[in-house]
Protein backbone atom coordinates (compact mmCIF):
# COMPACT_ATOMS: atom_id res chain seq x y z
CA MET A 1 -9.43 94.05 165.78
CA ALA A 2 -13.16 96.07 165.84
CA ALA A 3 -12.54 97.64 169.31
CA LEU A 4 -8.88 98.85 167.56
CA ARG A 5 -11.21 100.35 164.04
CA GLY A 6 -10.95 104.10 164.02
CA HIS A 7 -8.16 104.17 167.79
CA ALA A 8 -5.45 102.41 165.80
CA SER A 9 -4.50 100.46 162.89
CA SER A 10 -4.49 96.93 163.17
CA VAL A 11 -1.63 94.23 161.92
CA ALA A 12 -1.84 90.38 161.22
CA LEU A 13 1.30 89.21 160.79
CA SER A 14 1.67 85.66 158.30
CA VAL A 15 4.51 83.27 157.89
CA GLU A 16 1.96 81.35 156.00
CA GLU A 17 3.03 79.93 152.15
CA ASP A 18 -0.02 79.10 151.16
CA LEU A 19 -1.82 81.93 149.53
CA ASP A 20 -5.63 80.63 149.91
CA ASP A 21 -5.00 80.55 153.91
CA ILE A 22 -3.37 83.90 153.97
CA VAL A 23 -6.77 85.14 152.06
CA HIS A 24 -8.55 83.31 154.85
CA MET A 25 -7.07 84.70 157.30
CA VAL A 26 -7.26 88.53 156.25
CA GLU A 27 -11.28 87.81 155.71
CA THR A 28 -11.56 86.15 159.22
CA VAL A 29 -9.23 88.66 161.34
CA GLN A 30 -9.67 92.16 158.86
CA PRO A 31 -6.85 93.81 159.68
CA ASP A 32 -5.58 97.56 158.35
CA VAL A 33 -2.38 95.65 157.15
CA LEU A 34 -1.18 92.26 156.61
CA HIS A 35 2.45 92.00 157.45
CA LEU A 36 4.06 89.18 155.39
CA CYS A 37 7.36 87.79 157.13
CA GLY A 38 7.44 84.10 155.65
CA ASP A 39 10.23 83.20 153.48
CA ILE A 40 10.18 85.11 150.14
CA GLU A 41 11.31 82.29 148.12
CA ARG A 42 7.96 80.79 148.65
CA VAL A 43 5.97 83.84 148.49
CA PRO A 44 7.64 85.76 146.17
CA PRO A 45 6.81 89.62 144.54
CA ASP A 46 4.49 87.27 141.89
CA ALA A 47 2.31 86.08 145.00
CA VAL A 48 2.07 89.14 146.22
CA ALA A 49 0.43 90.47 143.36
CA HIS A 50 -1.80 87.91 143.78
CA LEU A 51 -2.53 88.50 147.47
CA ARG A 52 -2.65 92.30 146.24
CA ASP A 53 -5.70 92.08 143.76
CA ARG A 54 -7.34 89.33 145.91
CA LEU A 55 -7.10 91.89 149.05
CA PRO A 56 -8.27 95.21 148.09
CA GLY A 57 -8.46 97.70 151.35
CA VAL A 58 -6.00 95.88 153.06
CA GLN A 59 -2.66 97.27 153.24
CA ILE A 60 0.42 94.85 152.40
CA MET A 61 3.69 94.87 154.43
CA GLN A 62 6.31 92.96 152.74
CA ALA A 63 9.46 92.30 155.47
CA VAL A 64 12.71 92.26 153.67
CA PRO A 65 15.61 90.81 155.12
CA VAL A 66 18.73 92.62 154.95
CA THR A 67 21.54 89.64 154.20
CA GLY A 68 23.94 92.52 151.74
CA PRO A 69 23.90 94.54 148.91
CA GLU A 70 21.18 92.23 146.78
CA SER A 71 18.68 93.26 149.74
CA VAL A 72 18.01 96.59 147.21
CA GLU A 73 17.04 94.08 143.93
CA VAL A 74 15.01 92.39 146.42
CA ALA A 75 12.80 95.54 147.89
CA LEU A 76 13.25 97.26 144.44
CA ALA A 77 10.82 93.94 143.31
CA PHE A 78 8.65 93.39 145.94
CA ALA A 79 7.80 97.93 146.39
CA PRO A 80 5.18 97.86 143.65
CA HIS A 81 3.35 95.15 145.15
CA CYS A 82 3.09 96.77 149.11
CA ASP A 83 2.13 99.37 150.67
CA LEU A 84 4.76 99.31 153.20
CA LEU A 85 8.32 97.62 153.66
CA LEU A 86 9.83 96.42 156.75
CA LEU A 87 13.51 95.63 156.84
CA ASP A 88 14.50 93.40 159.39
CA SER A 89 17.46 90.68 159.75
CA ASP A 90 16.78 87.10 158.97
CA ALA A 91 18.65 83.94 160.76
CA PRO A 92 18.46 80.71 159.33
CA GLU A 93 16.84 79.31 162.79
CA ILE A 94 14.37 81.65 162.64
CA ASP A 95 10.84 80.69 161.22
CA GLY A 96 10.01 83.81 158.84
CA ILE A 97 12.19 86.99 158.58
CA GLY A 98 12.68 88.67 161.88
CA ALA A 99 12.97 87.90 165.62
CA THR A 100 16.27 87.46 165.69
CA GLY A 101 17.18 90.44 167.79
CA HIS A 102 20.56 91.07 165.42
CA THR A 103 21.34 94.77 163.58
CA HIS A 104 22.22 94.59 160.12
CA ASP A 105 23.93 96.58 157.72
CA TRP A 106 22.10 100.06 158.17
CA ASN A 107 23.54 101.61 154.80
CA VAL A 108 22.08 98.84 152.91
CA SER A 109 18.94 100.16 154.65
CA ARG A 110 19.56 103.12 153.79
CA ALA A 111 20.11 102.16 150.01
CA ILE A 112 17.16 100.77 150.29
CA VAL A 113 14.90 103.59 151.68
CA GLU A 114 16.84 105.83 149.03
CA ALA A 115 15.64 103.24 146.25
CA VAL A 116 11.47 102.67 146.94
CA GLU A 117 9.26 105.14 147.05
CA LEU A 118 7.30 104.10 149.60
CA PRO A 119 7.33 104.11 153.53
CA VAL A 120 10.14 101.42 155.24
CA ILE A 121 9.58 100.83 158.72
CA LEU A 122 13.27 99.63 160.16
CA ALA A 123 13.76 96.91 162.62
CA GLY A 124 15.81 94.40 163.54
CA GLY A 125 17.61 94.28 167.03
CA LEU A 126 16.46 98.38 167.45
CA SER A 127 16.39 98.81 171.67
CA PRO A 128 16.38 102.12 173.21
CA ASP A 129 20.12 102.26 173.45
CA ASN A 130 20.42 101.71 169.29
CA VAL A 131 17.54 103.15 168.13
CA ALA A 132 18.65 106.71 167.77
CA GLU A 133 21.66 106.38 165.63
CA ALA A 134 19.58 103.71 163.18
CA ILE A 135 16.95 106.71 162.73
CA GLU A 136 20.41 109.32 162.03
CA ARG A 137 21.71 106.70 159.86
CA VAL A 138 18.95 105.32 157.67
CA ARG A 139 16.19 108.27 157.96
CA PRO A 140 13.82 105.56 157.39
CA TRP A 141 9.52 106.57 157.98
CA GLY A 142 9.05 104.09 160.94
CA VAL A 143 10.72 101.53 163.43
CA ASP A 144 9.89 98.72 165.17
CA SER A 145 11.46 97.09 168.07
CA LEU A 146 10.83 93.10 169.28
CA SER A 147 13.31 91.69 171.03
CA HIS A 148 14.86 94.35 172.44
CA THR A 149 11.60 95.97 174.34
CA ASN A 150 10.94 92.12 175.86
CA ARG A 151 11.01 91.05 179.02
CA ARG A 152 11.21 86.82 179.31
CA ASN A 153 8.42 85.30 181.83
CA ALA A 154 9.13 82.69 183.69
CA ASP A 155 6.20 80.45 181.62
CA GLY A 156 9.61 80.80 178.32
CA GLY A 157 7.38 83.12 176.92
CA PHE A 158 8.01 86.99 176.70
CA SER A 159 6.19 90.21 176.75
CA LYS A 160 6.52 93.71 176.48
CA ASP A 161 8.66 95.59 179.31
CA LEU A 162 6.68 99.13 179.12
CA GLU A 163 9.88 100.81 180.54
CA LEU A 164 12.17 99.79 177.69
CA VAL A 165 9.31 100.66 175.52
CA GLU A 166 8.76 104.13 176.63
CA ARG A 167 12.64 104.47 176.40
CA PHE A 168 12.49 103.26 173.00
CA VAL A 169 9.80 105.84 171.95
CA ALA A 170 11.64 108.81 173.74
CA ALA A 171 14.92 107.87 171.61
CA ALA A 172 12.64 107.69 168.42
CA ARG A 173 10.94 110.75 169.12
CA ALA A 174 14.46 113.00 169.83
CA ALA A 175 16.31 111.09 167.08
CA SER A 176 13.52 111.51 164.34
CA ALA A 177 13.09 115.36 165.64
CA VAL A 178 16.74 116.10 164.52
CA PRO A 179 16.77 117.31 160.69
CA ALA A 180 18.86 114.72 157.96
CA ALA A 181 22.29 115.60 157.84
CA ASP A 182 22.52 114.88 154.78
């Protein structure tokens, strides 16, 4: 993280539920942003408020699972305690929010973007082929891709496919340059 200072923002992702463990990780790693993507019932908005008090100077990005219209209320509950929201898909077989490779209802995501007063990053099944449409429909502050810009490694893991990343970035930039239709 120290090598990135002044060149890029560093983000530490956590699915941890114990607040002391989260604080310890942040104090050890010293990221610019703490990305909370664990179970929102185990780390609810009041717990995030407590983290905010314990971690001054660190931005908090809360992942919100977009499961239906009720997700707007979830986003509104977390928003006062965060600097960013990341809207992602959820799947019961995945520990935490995201990394499913599936899109969710972008109409709900758009409603969240319109309801909160902080930057919203759209994730959830975004690829070079659908990111432009997602940006046009949702008008997020930013976009994120994991599953559809990776390639499987022989060992079963994955790594970024730089060609897919280039296509994703080009499509996102082109879409974000187009003025909103509404």
